[in-house]
Protein backbone atom coordinates (compact mmCIF):
# COMPACT_ATOMS: atom_id res chain seq x y z
CA MET A 1 97.51 132.08 129.90
CA ASN A 2 99.86 130.27 127.50
CA MET A 3 102.32 132.66 125.88
CA LYS A 4 101.67 131.51 122.31
CA ILE A 5 97.94 131.95 122.77
CA LEU A 6 98.50 135.46 124.12
CA PHE A 7 100.57 136.27 121.04
CA HIS A 8 97.79 134.93 118.84
CA ILE A 9 95.28 137.21 120.56
CA ILE A 10 97.55 140.18 119.85
CA CYS A 11 97.83 139.16 116.20
CA LEU A 12 94.05 139.03 115.93
CA LEU A 13 93.72 142.47 117.50
CA ALA A 14 96.39 143.86 115.19
CA CYS A 15 94.61 142.50 112.13
CA SER A 16 91.36 144.09 113.30
CA GLY A 17 93.08 147.47 113.66
CA GLN A 18 92.85 147.69 117.46
CA PHE A 19 96.65 147.94 117.71
CA ALA A 20 97.17 150.70 115.16
CA PHE A 21 100.95 150.63 115.35
CA ALA A 22 101.39 146.93 114.65
CA GLN A 23 100.05 146.34 111.17
CA PRO A 24 101.56 149.17 109.05
CA GLN A 25 105.02 148.76 110.56
CA ARG A 26 105.24 145.18 109.36
CA ASN A 27 105.22 146.35 105.76
CA ARG A 28 108.30 148.57 105.89
CA ASP A 29 112.02 147.90 106.18
CA ILE A 30 113.91 148.90 109.30
CA GLU A 31 117.33 148.56 110.91
CA ASN A 32 117.98 146.83 114.22
CA ASN A 33 121.29 145.87 115.86
CA GLY A 34 123.08 145.72 112.51
CA LEU A 35 120.28 143.85 110.72
CA LYS A 36 118.28 145.45 107.93
CA GLY A 37 115.11 144.85 105.96
CA ASN A 38 111.86 143.22 107.06
CA LEU A 39 112.80 142.19 110.60
CA TYR A 40 109.33 141.67 112.07
CA VAL A 41 109.29 138.11 113.33
CA HIS A 42 108.12 135.85 116.13
CA ASP A 43 109.67 132.51 117.22
CA PRO A 44 112.43 132.46 114.56
CA VAL A 45 114.70 129.58 113.60
CA MET A 46 117.48 129.85 111.00
CA ILE A 47 119.11 127.50 108.50
CA LYS A 48 121.31 127.87 105.42
CA GLN A 49 121.21 126.30 101.97
CA GLY A 50 124.02 127.11 99.59
CA ASP A 51 124.80 130.82 99.88
CA ARG A 52 121.40 131.85 101.26
CA TYR A 53 120.06 131.99 104.82
CA TYR A 54 116.45 131.27 105.72
CA ILE A 55 114.33 132.21 108.73
CA PHE A 56 111.14 130.28 109.48
CA SER A 57 108.75 131.73 112.06
CA THR A 58 105.22 131.90 113.47
CA GLY A 59 102.66 133.17 110.97
CA ARG A 60 99.94 132.29 108.53
CA GLY A 61 101.07 129.01 107.01
CA ILE A 62 104.54 129.56 108.60
CA SER A 63 106.38 132.69 107.47
CA ILE A 64 109.70 132.62 105.60
CA LYS A 65 112.44 135.26 105.29
CA THR A 66 115.66 135.05 103.29
CA SER A 67 119.04 136.78 103.31
CA PRO A 68 122.29 136.51 101.32
CA ASP A 69 124.43 137.61 104.27
CA LYS A 70 122.54 137.22 107.60
CA ILE A 71 122.16 141.04 107.58
CA ASN A 72 119.70 142.07 104.87
CA TRP A 73 116.36 140.25 105.20
CA LYS A 74 113.25 140.12 103.07
CA THR A 75 110.00 138.18 103.19
CA ALA A 76 109.84 135.10 100.98
CA GLY A 77 106.37 133.63 101.19
CA ARG A 78 105.02 130.82 103.33
CA VAL A 79 105.39 127.09 103.75
CA PHE A 80 101.66 126.44 103.40
CA ASP A 81 98.93 128.37 101.68
CA SER A 82 97.07 129.64 104.74
CA ILE A 83 93.74 128.96 103.02
CA ALA A 84 94.53 125.49 101.66
CA LEU A 85 96.20 123.98 104.71
CA PRO A 86 96.53 120.23 105.29
CA ALA A 87 93.05 118.90 106.12
CA TRP A 88 94.16 117.23 109.34
CA HIS A 89 94.85 120.61 110.96
CA LYS A 90 91.13 121.42 111.11
CA MET A 91 90.14 117.85 111.88
CA ASP A 92 92.54 117.74 114.81
CA ILE A 93 92.07 121.34 116.03
CA PRO A 94 88.65 122.56 114.79
CA LYS A 95 89.41 126.18 115.76
CA GLN A 96 92.63 126.21 113.70
CA ASP A 97 92.63 129.32 111.48
CA GLY A 98 95.85 128.97 109.47
CA SER A 99 98.26 130.53 111.94
CA LEU A 100 101.02 127.99 112.64
CA TRP A 101 103.44 128.55 115.49
CA ALA A 102 107.06 128.16 116.45
CA PRO A 103 108.64 126.04 113.68
CA ASP A 104 111.93 124.16 113.89
CA ILE A 105 113.92 123.02 110.88
CA HIS A 106 116.95 120.83 110.18
CA TYR A 107 118.54 119.04 107.22
CA SER A 108 119.29 115.31 107.20
CA ASN A 109 119.16 112.38 104.80
CA GLY A 110 118.74 114.61 101.74
CA LYS A 111 115.72 116.55 103.00
CA TYR A 112 114.76 119.58 105.04
CA HIS A 113 112.57 118.57 107.97
CA LEU A 114 110.19 121.19 109.34
CA TYR A 115 108.25 120.70 112.60
CA TYR A 116 105.62 123.18 113.76
CA SER A 117 102.76 123.78 116.21
CA VAL A 118 99.09 123.39 115.29
CA SER A 119 96.86 125.14 117.80
CA ALA A 120 94.19 127.79 118.14
CA TRP A 121 93.18 130.76 120.23
CA MET A 122 92.38 129.66 123.80
CA ASP A 123 92.65 125.97 122.86
CA PHE A 124 95.24 123.87 124.69
CA ASN A 125 94.47 120.79 122.59
CA SER A 126 97.54 121.32 120.43
CA SER A 127 99.49 119.15 118.02
CA ILE A 128 102.86 119.11 116.30
CA GLY A 129 102.96 118.73 112.53
CA TYR A 130 105.74 117.77 110.15
CA ALA A 131 106.63 118.70 106.56
CA THR A 132 109.59 118.01 104.27
CA ASN A 133 111.21 119.54 101.20
CA THR A 134 114.27 118.64 99.14
CA THR A 135 115.21 122.31 98.65
CA LEU A 136 114.54 125.69 100.24
CA ASP A 137 115.05 127.52 96.94
CA ALA A 138 111.56 128.51 95.79
CA GLY A 139 112.95 129.00 92.28
CA ASN A 140 113.99 125.37 92.02
CA THR A 141 111.54 123.17 90.11
CA ALA A 142 111.87 120.55 92.85
CA TYR A 143 110.63 123.00 95.51
CA LYS A 144 107.55 121.53 97.18
CA TRP A 145 106.60 121.21 100.83
CA VAL A 146 105.17 117.76 101.49
CA ASP A 147 102.82 117.35 104.43
CA GLU A 148 103.96 114.38 106.52
CA GLY A 149 101.07 114.69 108.96
CA GLN A 150 100.82 114.79 112.71
CA VAL A 151 103.73 113.70 114.91
CA ILE A 152 102.25 113.98 118.41
CA SER A 153 99.27 115.67 120.03
CA TYR A 154 97.57 116.41 123.32
CA LYS A 155 96.13 112.88 123.12
CA ASN A 156 99.49 111.12 123.49
CA GLY A 157 101.91 113.90 124.47
CA GLY A 158 101.33 113.77 128.22
CA GLU A 159 98.39 114.57 130.43
CA GLY A 160 97.77 118.31 130.64
CA VAL A 161 100.73 119.16 128.38
CA ASN A 162 100.27 121.85 125.72
CA VAL A 163 101.95 120.11 122.78
CA ILE A 164 103.60 123.06 121.03
CA ASP A 165 107.06 124.54 120.34
CA PRO A 166 108.91 121.59 118.80
CA ASN A 167 112.69 121.27 118.69
CA ILE A 168 114.54 118.35 117.14
CA PHE A 169 117.80 117.02 118.54
CA ILE A 170 119.89 114.33 116.82
CA ASP A 171 122.35 112.76 119.21
CA HIS A 172 125.85 111.50 118.40
CA ASP A 173 124.49 107.94 118.03
CA GLY A 174 122.04 109.06 115.33
CA LYS A 175 118.96 108.81 117.53
CA LYS A 176 116.42 111.59 116.97
CA TYR A 177 114.45 113.27 119.73
CA LEU A 178 111.67 115.84 119.99
CA VAL A 179 111.42 118.33 122.87
CA TYR A 180 108.14 120.23 123.22
CA GLY A 181 105.77 121.86 125.68
CA SER A 182 105.05 125.13 127.44
CA TYR A 183 104.26 126.74 130.76
CA LYS A 184 101.16 124.54 130.92
CA SER A 185 102.68 121.48 132.62
CA GLY A 186 106.21 122.10 131.33
CA LEU A 187 108.58 120.52 128.82
CA ARG A 188 108.74 116.93 127.57
CA LEU A 189 111.14 114.79 125.51
CA VAL A 190 110.27 111.80 123.30
CA GLU A 191 112.28 109.70 120.86
CA LEU A 192 111.45 109.74 117.15
CA ASN A 193 112.04 107.19 114.44
CA ALA A 194 115.14 108.55 112.68
CA LYS A 195 113.88 107.35 109.29
CA THR A 196 110.22 108.37 109.40
CA GLY A 197 110.53 111.48 111.57
CA LYS A 198 107.48 110.30 113.54
CA LEU A 199 107.24 108.77 117.01
CA LYS A 200 109.45 105.74 117.64
CA ASP A 201 106.70 104.24 119.80
CA ASP A 202 103.05 105.16 120.22
CA PRO A 203 102.25 105.82 122.97
CA PRO A 204 105.76 107.17 123.47
CA GLU A 205 108.00 107.02 126.49
CA ILE A 206 107.73 110.58 127.78
CA ILE A 207 110.62 112.17 129.69
CA THR A 208 109.64 115.08 131.96
CA LEU A 209 112.24 117.86 131.69
CA THR A 210 110.23 120.44 133.65
CA ARG A 211 106.85 120.48 135.35
CA ALA A 212 106.08 124.13 134.59
CA LEU A 213 109.18 126.01 133.51
CA GLY A 214 109.59 127.42 130.04
CA GLU A 215 108.48 127.28 126.45
CA GLY A 216 110.28 127.51 123.13
CA ALA A 217 112.84 124.91 124.25
CA PHE A 218 116.03 124.27 122.26
CA ILE A 219 118.79 121.75 123.05
CA ILE A 220 122.41 121.92 121.87
CA ARG A 221 125.50 119.95 122.90
CA GLY A 222 128.97 121.32 123.60
CA HIS A 223 131.92 121.24 125.99
CA GLY A 224 130.84 117.93 127.49
CA TYR A 225 127.23 118.87 128.28
CA TYR A 226 123.75 119.00 126.83
CA TYR A 227 122.39 122.54 127.21
CA LEU A 228 118.67 123.21 127.43
CA PHE A 229 117.46 126.72 126.67
CA ALA A 230 113.89 127.95 127.11
CA SER A 231 111.94 131.18 127.49
CA ARG A 232 110.11 132.40 130.57
CA GLY A 233 108.42 135.59 131.74
CA ARG A 234 105.74 137.62 130.01
CA CYS A 235 105.81 137.62 126.22
CA CYS A 236 103.71 139.32 123.58
CA ALA A 237 103.09 142.51 125.58
CA GLY A 238 105.25 144.97 123.65
CA ILE A 239 107.41 147.16 125.86
CA ASN A 240 105.73 145.60 128.89
CA SER A 241 107.16 142.19 128.03
CA THR A 242 109.56 140.54 130.49
CA TYR A 243 110.48 137.59 128.27
CA GLN A 244 113.96 136.14 128.88
CA VAL A 245 116.00 133.09 127.87
CA VAL A 246 117.13 130.73 130.62
CA MET A 247 119.50 127.76 130.51
CA GLY A 248 120.42 124.55 132.27
CA ARG A 249 122.74 121.68 131.46
CA ALA A 250 123.03 117.92 131.93
CA LYS A 251 125.44 115.09 131.24
CA SER A 252 122.58 113.09 129.71
CA LEU A 253 120.17 114.28 127.05
CA LYS A 254 117.29 113.06 129.20
CA GLY A 255 118.45 115.14 132.16
CA PRO A 256 118.16 116.10 134.88
CA TYR A 257 119.03 119.62 133.70
CA LEU A 258 120.59 121.78 136.41
CA ASN A 259 121.25 125.48 136.85
CA LYS A 260 124.63 126.94 137.83
CA GLU A 261 123.90 126.20 141.49
CA GLY A 262 123.21 122.54 140.75
CA GLN A 263 119.44 122.84 141.25
CA SER A 264 117.05 120.97 138.98
CA TRP A 265 114.90 122.44 136.23
CA VAL A 266 112.19 119.96 137.22
CA ASP A 267 111.79 122.05 140.37
CA ASN A 268 111.59 125.31 138.38
CA ASN A 269 115.23 126.33 138.91
CA PHE A 270 117.18 127.98 136.09
CA THR A 271 120.03 130.32 135.19
CA ILE A 272 119.34 133.44 133.11
CA PHE A 273 121.14 133.44 129.77
CA LEU A 274 119.60 136.44 128.01
CA ALA A 275 117.43 139.03 129.75
CA GLY A 276 115.76 142.16 128.44
CA ASP A 277 116.94 145.73 128.97
CA SER A 278 115.56 149.23 128.52
CA THR A 279 115.82 149.10 124.71
CA GLU A 280 114.50 145.53 124.34
CA PRO A 281 112.37 144.77 127.42
CA GLY A 282 111.62 141.21 126.35
CA ARG A 283 113.88 138.78 124.50
CA GLY A 284 113.08 135.16 123.81
CA HIS A 285 111.98 132.11 121.88
CA ASN A 286 115.38 131.38 120.49
CA GLY A 287 116.90 129.00 117.98
CA PHE A 288 120.59 128.28 117.45
CA PHE A 289 122.50 128.26 114.17
CA THR A 290 126.13 127.22 113.70
CA GLU A 291 128.39 128.28 110.84
CA LYS A 292 132.08 127.41 110.81
CA ASP A 293 133.38 128.04 114.35
CA THR A 294 130.57 130.35 115.48
CA THR A 295 127.22 129.45 117.02
CA PHE A 296 124.56 132.16 116.87
CA ILE A 297 121.45 132.60 118.97
CA VAL A 298 118.50 133.68 116.81
CA TYR A 299 115.61 135.24 118.73
CA HIS A 300 112.91 137.89 118.74
CA ALA A 301 112.96 140.98 120.94
CA TYR A 302 110.15 143.36 121.84
CA THR A 303 111.82 146.61 120.83
CA ARG A 304 111.09 150.04 122.29
CA SER A 305 112.19 151.94 119.16
CA ALA A 306 109.66 149.92 117.13
CA ASN A 307 106.79 150.67 119.53
CA GLY A 308 107.21 147.30 121.19
CA ALA A 309 107.06 145.24 118.00
CA SER A 310 108.90 141.92 117.87
CA LEU A 311 112.12 142.13 115.81
CA LEU A 312 114.74 139.64 114.66
CA ASN A 313 118.11 139.44 116.43
CA ILE A 314 121.17 137.29 115.63
CA ARG A 315 124.14 137.25 118.02
CA PRO A 316 127.20 135.01 118.58
CA VAL A 317 127.50 132.82 121.69
CA TYR A 318 130.69 132.70 123.75
CA LEU A 319 132.02 130.49 126.53
CA GLY A 320 132.44 132.12 129.93
CA GLU A 321 135.26 131.52 132.36
CA ASP A 322 132.87 129.38 134.40
CA GLY A 323 132.44 127.00 131.45
CA TRP A 324 128.87 128.08 130.66
CA PRO A 325 127.57 129.72 127.46
CA THR A 326 127.38 133.49 127.67
CA MET A 327 126.30 136.49 125.62
CA ASP A 328 129.30 138.44 126.93
CA THR A 329 132.22 138.70 124.52
CA THR A 330 135.05 136.50 125.82
CA LYS A 331 138.19 135.01 124.32
CA ARG A 332 136.44 131.72 123.49
CA LEU A 333 133.48 130.99 121.25
CA PHE A 334 131.02 128.35 122.38
CA LYS A 335 131.91 125.16 120.50
CA ARG A 336 128.78 123.34 119.44
CA GLU A 337 129.13 119.59 118.86
CA ASP A 338 125.72 118.54 117.57
CA ARG A 339 125.61 120.19 114.17
CA PHE A 340 123.49 118.40 111.59
CA GLU A 341 122.36 121.26 109.33
């Protein structure tokens, strides 16, 4: 079963009261690994405007959190009213109920560009949507999310591919790309029109990055390579989760991405970047955020002390002696070279 669909099932059960621990905990502040406040989150991605940080994540209409310092977090509404969603969501995915998954956000050309998954419980006919805003400050009179419509769907995103979990990458030449997909047939890459944010060509040229490996993909560039990160294992199962982040790298954005042994991701080979432990059995669906000389991995972790609930984590990324990114503290920070926030 697709991991995002499994999570959606759990959300439905929680809302119906069948998981008694899940719902009440989400309404109270907690502390976790130095972070404080409302830390309940799934599939987070982070960005900054001015002196405020923002987290966008899976939820009704896409959930938003804000912080003045990357430490203290509070809820801050939603991108879309979960009742009055864009009409094309239902037209495209009739079972769509307002829960939008796994957003990705970046800033370019004077706007914030938000991509997200449109899907439904036990429905692999998924799409990726797109919205823009000129500000993230809800108190600004210019604050308004504008629906830009569908970007790609199961109809043109590759045969058998579950078209979810978007990530945008802008290369050094200004070309814009979208990576997407899941365990169901793997990950794909297509080029977008840098001005419109939509597909450059339709049908697009589709690059196969993996045939089955991973979901929640995210690409960054640094130290002469393109690095592809994705999540694998069992998610959404509380303390029984085995979710972990894996990585590969390539000299070309289009791959092939290889593990540390030089084996291809297309053949389901990978190197573990971030695994779970006894306190956080499952860790995954990461984004990356860079500020000054530090790049942070932003992810959710199924946390034993919170009865297996999914909590926000933000940690710096270092460069290992072998030249690969690492979570171990070393003398060198990982130097990201693709910043466009």
